PDB file of all heavy atoms in Angstrom:
ATOM      1  N   MET A   1      42.336  95.500 -80.522  1.00  0.00           N
ATOM      2  CA  MET A   1      41.444  96.201 -79.599  1.00  0.00           C
ATOM      3  C   MET A   1      41.380  95.460 -78.264  1.00  0.00           C
ATOM      4  O   MET A   1      41.414  96.070 -77.196  1.00  0.00           O
ATOM      5  CB  MET A   1      40.054  96.329 -80.228  1.00  0.00           C
ATOM      6  CG  MET A   1      39.107  97.162 -79.423  1.00  0.00           C
ATOM      7  SD  MET A   1      39.614  98.891 -79.428  1.00  0.00           S
ATOM      8  CE  MET A   1      38.079  99.691 -79.685  1.00  0.00           C
ATOM      9  N   HIS A   2      41.303  94.136 -78.346  1.00  0.00           N
ATOM     10  CA  HIS A   2      41.251  93.327 -77.129  1.00  0.00           C
ATOM     11  C   HIS A   2      42.528  93.506 -76.303  1.00  0.00           C
ATOM     12  O   HIS A   2      42.466  93.702 -75.078  1.00  0.00           O
ATOM     13  CB  HIS A   2      41.037  91.851 -77.503  1.00  0.00           C
ATOM     14  CG  HIS A   2      40.838  90.963 -76.329  1.00  0.00           C
ATOM     15  ND1 HIS A   2      39.678  90.960 -75.585  1.00  0.00           N
ATOM     16  CD2 HIS A   2      41.660  90.071 -75.746  1.00  0.00           C
ATOM     17  CE1 HIS A   2      39.793  90.091 -74.607  1.00  0.00           C
ATOM     18  NE2 HIS A   2      40.988  89.539 -74.680  1.00  0.00           N
ATOM     19  N   GLN A   3      43.692  93.453 -76.960  1.00  0.00           N
ATOM     20  CA  GLN A   3      44.963  93.610 -76.253  1.00  0.00           C
ATOM     21  C   GLN A   3      45.079  95.002 -75.639  1.00  0.00           C
ATOM     22  O   GLN A   3      45.509  95.153 -74.483  1.00  0.00           O
ATOM     23  CB  GLN A   3      46.144  93.357 -77.198  1.00  0.00           C
ATOM     24  CG  GLN A   3      47.496  93.429 -76.518  1.00  0.00           C
ATOM     25  CD  GLN A   3      47.646  92.398 -75.410  1.00  0.00           C
ATOM     26  OE1 GLN A   3      47.382  91.220 -75.615  1.00  0.00           O
ATOM     27  NE2 GLN A   3      48.067  92.838 -74.229  1.00  0.00           N
ATOM     28  N   LEU A   4      44.684  96.021 -76.394  1.00  0.00           N
ATOM     29  CA  LEU A   4      44.739  97.385 -75.861  1.00  0.00           C
ATOM     30  C   LEU A   4      43.813  97.554 -74.663  1.00  0.00           C
ATOM     31  O   LEU A   4      44.163  98.228 -73.695  1.00  0.00           O
ATOM     32  CB  LEU A   4      44.381  98.395 -76.953  1.00  0.00           C
ATOM     33  CG  LEU A   4      45.463  98.676 -77.982  1.00  0.00           C
ATOM     34  CD1 LEU A   4      44.899  99.482 -79.139  1.00  0.00           C
ATOM     35  CD2 LEU A   4      46.638  99.411 -77.343  1.00  0.00           C
ATOM     36  N   SER A   5      42.641  96.938 -74.721  1.00  0.00           N
ATOM     37  CA  SER A   5      41.717  97.061 -73.586  1.00  0.00           C
ATOM     38  C   SER A   5      42.273  96.367 -72.353  1.00  0.00           C
ATOM     39  O   SER A   5      42.114  96.860 -71.233  1.00  0.00           O
ATOM     40  CB  SER A   5      40.325  96.527 -73.944  1.00  0.00           C
ATOM     41  OG  SER A   5      40.336  95.128 -74.075  1.00  0.00           O
ATOM     42  N   GLU A   6      42.966  95.239 -72.547  1.00  0.00           N
ATOM     43  CA  GLU A   6      43.613  94.574 -71.406  1.00  0.00           C
ATOM     44  C   GLU A   6      44.749  95.423 -70.848  1.00  0.00           C
ATOM     45  O   GLU A   6      44.911  95.548 -69.625  1.00  0.00           O
ATOM     46  CB  GLU A   6      44.131  93.195 -71.822  1.00  0.00           C
ATOM     47  CG  GLU A   6      43.028  92.167 -71.988  1.00  0.00           C
ATOM     48  CD  GLU A   6      43.579  90.786 -72.317  1.00  0.00           C
ATOM     49  OE1 GLU A   6      44.823  90.602 -72.353  1.00  0.00           O
ATOM     50  OE2 GLU A   6      42.755  89.888 -72.528  1.00  0.00           O
ATOM     51  N   ASP A   7      45.540  96.018 -71.739  1.00  0.00           N
ATOM     52  CA  ASP A   7      46.624  96.901 -71.295  1.00  0.00           C
ATOM     53  C   ASP A   7      46.062  98.108 -70.541  1.00  0.00           C
ATOM     54  O   ASP A   7      46.633  98.543 -69.537  1.00  0.00           O
ATOM     55  CB  ASP A   7      47.455  97.379 -72.480  1.00  0.00           C
ATOM     56  CG  ASP A   7      48.293  96.278 -73.111  1.00  0.00           C
ATOM     57  OD1 ASP A   7      48.423  95.201 -72.497  1.00  0.00           O
ATOM     58  OD2 ASP A   7      48.807  96.497 -74.231  1.00  0.00           O
ATOM     59  N   LEU A   8      44.947  98.624 -71.031  1.00  0.00           N
ATOM     60  CA  LEU A   8      44.319  99.772 -70.365  1.00  0.00           C
ATOM     61  C   LEU A   8      43.807  99.393 -68.982  1.00  0.00           C
ATOM     62  O   LEU A   8      43.999 100.145 -68.018  1.00  0.00           O
ATOM     63  CB  LEU A   8      43.190 100.333 -71.231  1.00  0.00           C
ATOM     64  CG  LEU A   8      42.536 101.618 -70.746  1.00  0.00           C
ATOM     65  CD1 LEU A   8      43.562 102.742 -70.612  1.00  0.00           C
ATOM     66  CD2 LEU A   8      41.423 102.041 -71.695  1.00  0.00           C
ATOM     67  N   ALA A   9      43.197  98.203 -68.868  1.00  0.00           N
ATOM     68  CA  ALA A   9      42.714  97.749 -67.562  1.00  0.00           C
ATOM     69  C   ALA A   9      43.885  97.584 -66.587  1.00  0.00           C
ATOM     70  O   ALA A   9      43.794  97.973 -65.409  1.00  0.00           O
ATOM     71  CB  ALA A   9      41.942  96.433 -67.706  1.00  0.00           C
ATOM     72  N   SER A  10      44.996  97.036 -67.070  1.00  0.00           N
ATOM     73  CA  SER A  10      46.184  96.874 -66.225  1.00  0.00           C
ATOM     74  C   SER A  10      46.732  98.234 -65.794  1.00  0.00           C
ATOM     75  O   SER A  10      47.115  98.438 -64.633  1.00  0.00           O
ATOM     76  CB  SER A  10      47.247  96.093 -67.000  1.00  0.00           C
ATOM     77  OG  SER A  10      48.470  96.090 -66.309  1.00  0.00           O
ATOM     78  N   THR A  11      46.747  99.184 -66.725  1.00  0.00           N
ATOM     79  CA  THR A  11      47.239 100.529 -66.422  1.00  0.00           C
ATOM     80  C   THR A  11      46.339 101.224 -65.414  1.00  0.00           C
ATOM     81  O   THR A  11      46.824 101.922 -64.520  1.00  0.00           O
ATOM     82  CB  THR A  11      47.361 101.351 -67.717  1.00  0.00           C
ATOM     83  OG1 THR A  11      48.277 100.677 -68.595  1.00  0.00           O
ATOM     84  CG2 THR A  11      47.871 102.755 -67.448  1.00  0.00           C
ATOM     85  N   GLU A  12      45.027 101.031 -65.529  1.00  0.00           N
ATOM     86  CA  GLU A  12      44.081 101.612 -64.558  1.00  0.00           C
ATOM     87  C   GLU A  12      44.397 101.110 -63.149  1.00  0.00           C
ATOM     88  O   GLU A  12      44.357 101.876 -62.180  1.00  0.00           O
ATOM     89  CB  GLU A  12      42.635 101.274 -64.923  1.00  0.00           C
ATOM     90  CG  GLU A  12      42.147 101.867 -66.226  1.00  0.00           C
ATOM     91  CD  GLU A  12      41.935 103.369 -66.194  1.00  0.00           C
ATOM     92  OE1 GLU A  12      41.987 103.975 -65.106  1.00  0.00           O
ATOM     93  OE2 GLU A  12      41.724 103.944 -67.265  1.00  0.00           O
ATOM     94  N   ASN A  13      44.730  99.820 -63.033  1.00  0.00           N
ATOM     95  CA  ASN A  13      45.094  99.262 -61.720  1.00  0.00           C
ATOM     96  C   ASN A  13      46.380  99.893 -61.196  1.00  0.00           C
ATOM     97  O   ASN A  13      46.495 100.199 -59.996  1.00  0.00           O
ATOM     98  CB  ASN A  13      45.240  97.739 -61.808  1.00  0.00           C
ATOM     99  CG  ASN A  13      43.926  97.043 -61.990  1.00  0.00           C
ATOM    100  OD1 ASN A  13      42.874  97.546 -61.575  1.00  0.00           O
ATOM    101  ND2 ASN A  13      43.942  95.892 -62.616  1.00  0.00           N
ATOM    102  N   LYS A  14      47.336 100.102 -62.078  1.00  0.00           N
ATOM    103  CA  LYS A  14      48.597 100.737 -61.665  1.00  0.00           C
ATOM    104  C   LYS A  14      48.366 102.181 -61.234  1.00  0.00           C
ATOM    105  O   LYS A  14      48.973 102.652 -60.267  1.00  0.00           O
ATOM    106  CB  LYS A  14      49.617 100.670 -62.800  1.00  0.00           C
ATOM    107  CG  LYS A  14      50.118  99.273 -63.068  1.00  0.00           C
ATOM    108  CD  LYS A  14      51.038  99.244 -64.274  1.00  0.00           C
ATOM    109  CE  LYS A  14      51.459  97.821 -64.604  1.00  0.00           C
ATOM    110  NZ  LYS A  14      52.206  97.754 -65.854  1.00  0.00           N
ATOM    111  N   ILE A  15      47.489 102.877 -61.947  1.00  0.00           N
ATOM    112  CA  ILE A  15      47.159 104.255 -61.562  1.00  0.00           C
ATOM    113  C   ILE A  15      46.521 104.271 -60.183  1.00  0.00           C
ATOM    114  O   ILE A  15      46.850 105.123 -59.345  1.00  0.00           O
ATOM    115  CB  ILE A  15      46.226 104.910 -62.610  1.00  0.00           C
ATOM    116  CG1 ILE A  15      46.979 105.160 -63.915  1.00  0.00           C
ATOM    117  CG2 ILE A  15      45.645 106.224 -62.084  1.00  0.00           C
ATOM    118  CD1 ILE A  15      46.096 105.559 -65.086  1.00  0.00           C
ATOM    119  N   SER A  16      45.631 103.342 -59.939  1.00  0.00           N
ATOM    120  CA  SER A  16      44.957 103.270 -58.637  1.00  0.00           C
ATOM    121  C   SER A  16      45.965 103.058 -57.502  1.00  0.00           C
ATOM    122  O   SER A  16      45.897 103.716 -56.459  1.00  0.00           O
ATOM    123  CB  SER A  16      43.924 102.141 -58.669  1.00  0.00           C
ATOM    124  OG  SER A  16      43.266 102.040 -57.440  1.00  0.00           O
ATOM    125  N   ARG A  17      46.912 102.155 -57.720  1.00  0.00           N
ATOM    126  CA  ARG A  17      47.941 101.913 -56.690  1.00  0.00           C
ATOM    127  C   ARG A  17      48.844 103.133 -56.512  1.00  0.00           C
ATOM    128  O   ARG A  17      49.212 103.492 -55.390  1.00  0.00           O
ATOM    129  CB  ARG A  17      48.764 100.672 -57.045  1.00  0.00           C
ATOM    130  CG  ARG A  17      48.007  99.367 -56.851  1.00  0.00           C
ATOM    131  CD  ARG A  17      48.930  98.162 -56.923  1.00  0.00           C
ATOM    132  NE  ARG A  17      49.593  98.018 -58.205  1.00  0.00           N
ATOM    133  CZ  ARG A  17      49.087  97.386 -59.257  1.00  0.00           C
ATOM    134  NH1 ARG A  17      47.893  96.843 -59.187  1.00  0.00           N
ATOM    135  NH2 ARG A  17      49.779  97.282 -60.366  1.00  0.00           N
ATOM    136  N   ALA A  18      49.193 103.780 -57.618  1.00  0.00           N
ATOM    137  CA  ALA A  18      50.050 104.977 -57.544  1.00  0.00           C
ATOM    138  C   ALA A  18      49.323 106.111 -56.832  1.00  0.00           C
ATOM    139  O   ALA A  18      49.935 106.861 -56.061  1.00  0.00           O
ATOM    140  CB  ALA A  18      50.495 105.398 -58.944  1.00  0.00           C
ATOM    141  N   ARG A  19      48.016 106.244 -57.068  1.00  0.00           N
ATOM    142  CA  ARG A  19      47.222 107.284 -56.382  1.00  0.00           C
ATOM    143  C   ARG A  19      47.214 107.033 -54.878  1.00  0.00           C
ATOM    144  O   ARG A  19      47.332 107.963 -54.083  1.00  0.00           O
ATOM    145  CB  ARG A  19      45.786 107.284 -56.902  1.00  0.00           C
ATOM    146  CG  ARG A  19      45.512 108.314 -57.931  1.00  0.00           C
ATOM    147  CD  ARG A  19      44.042 108.542 -58.170  1.00  0.00           C
ATOM    148  NE  ARG A  19      43.221 107.364 -58.127  1.00  0.00           N
ATOM    149  CZ  ARG A  19      42.631 106.801 -59.175  1.00  0.00           C
ATOM    150  NH1 ARG A  19      42.771 107.321 -60.371  1.00  0.00           N
ATOM    151  NH2 ARG A  19      41.899 105.736 -59.040  1.00  0.00           N
ATOM    152  N   LYS A  20      47.081 105.774 -54.486  1.00  0.00           N
ATOM    153  CA  LYS A  20      47.072 105.426 -53.064  1.00  0.00           C
ATOM    154  C   LYS A  20      48.414 105.814 -52.424  1.00  0.00           C
ATOM    155  O   LYS A  20      48.453 106.427 -51.349  1.00  0.00           O
ATOM    156  CB  LYS A  20      46.802 103.933 -52.887  1.00  0.00           C
ATOM    157  CG  LYS A  20      46.722 103.472 -51.453  1.00  0.00           C
ATOM    158  CD  LYS A  20      46.374 101.991 -51.391  1.00  0.00           C
ATOM    159  CE  LYS A  20      46.156 101.507 -50.000  1.00  0.00           C
ATOM    160  NZ  LYS A  20      47.331 101.396 -49.177  1.00  0.00           N
ATOM    161  N   ALA A  21      49.513 105.479 -53.095  1.00  0.00           N
ATOM    162  CA  ALA A  21      50.846 105.821 -52.564  1.00  0.00           C
ATOM    163  C   ALA A  21      51.011 107.340 -52.486  1.00  0.00           C
ATOM    164  O   ALA A  21      51.554 107.866 -51.505  1.00  0.00           O
ATOM    165  CB  ALA A  21      51.937 105.201 -53.429  1.00  0.00           C
ATOM    166  N   TYR A  22      50.541 108.045 -53.499  1.00  0.00           N
ATOM    167  CA  TYR A  22      50.624 109.501 -53.510  1.00  0.00           C
ATOM    168  C   TYR A  22      49.827 110.092 -52.343  1.00  0.00           C
ATOM    169  O   TYR A  22      50.329 110.950 -51.605  1.00  0.00           O
ATOM    170  CB  TYR A  22      50.107 110.053 -54.846  1.00  0.00           C
ATOM    171  CG  TYR A  22      49.876 111.549 -54.843  1.00  0.00           C
ATOM    172  CD1 TYR A  22      50.937 112.437 -54.937  1.00  0.00           C
ATOM    173  CD2 TYR A  22      48.586 112.067 -54.728  1.00  0.00           C
ATOM    174  CE1 TYR A  22      50.726 113.806 -54.925  1.00  0.00           C
ATOM    175  CE2 TYR A  22      48.367 113.431 -54.723  1.00  0.00           C
ATOM    176  CZ  TYR A  22      49.432 114.304 -54.821  1.00  0.00           C
ATOM    177  OH  TYR A  22      49.213 115.657 -54.787  1.00  0.00           O
ATOM    178  N   ASN A  23      48.596 109.635 -52.163  1.00  0.00           N
ATOM    179  CA  ASN A  23      47.759 110.155 -51.079  1.00  0.00           C
ATOM    180  C   ASN A  23      48.366 109.888 -49.709  1.00  0.00           C
ATOM    181  O   ASN A  23      48.293 110.734 -48.809  1.00  0.00           O
ATOM    182  CB  ASN A  23      46.339 109.586 -51.168  1.00  0.00           C
ATOM    183  CG  ASN A  23      45.523 110.242 -52.262  1.00  0.00           C
ATOM    184  OD1 ASN A  23      45.855 111.324 -52.742  1.00  0.00           O
ATOM    185  ND2 ASN A  23      44.461 109.590 -52.672  1.00  0.00           N
ATOM    186  N   GLU A  24      48.981 108.721 -49.535  1.00  0.00           N
ATOM    187  CA  GLU A  24      49.647 108.422 -48.258  1.00  0.00           C
ATOM    188  C   GLU A  24      50.834 109.361 -48.034  1.00  0.00           C
ATOM    189  O   GLU A  24      51.048 109.849 -46.919  1.00  0.00           O
ATOM    190  CB  GLU A  24      50.094 106.963 -48.234  1.00  0.00           C
ATOM    191  CG  GLU A  24      48.933 105.990 -48.098  1.00  0.00           C
ATOM    192  CD  GLU A  24      49.336 104.541 -48.274  1.00  0.00           C
ATOM    193  OE1 GLU A  24      50.515 104.254 -48.599  1.00  0.00           O
ATOM    194  OE2 GLU A  24      48.448 103.677 -48.098  1.00  0.00           O
ATOM    195  N   ALA A  25      51.600 109.629 -49.091  1.00  0.00           N
ATOM    196  CA  ALA A  25      52.746 110.538 -48.975  1.00  0.00           C
ATOM    197  C   ALA A  25      52.281 111.964 -48.698  1.00  0.00           C
ATOM    198  O   ALA A  25      52.887 112.677 -47.883  1.00  0.00           O
ATOM    199  CB  ALA A  25      53.596 110.484 -50.243  1.00  0.00           C
TER     200      ALA A  25
END
């Protein structure tokens, strides 16, 4: 559960960066 929550937090950060790139495009 701990590892999955860390992976999820990392993925949330990647989604945030991808959203920023998408909005700029």
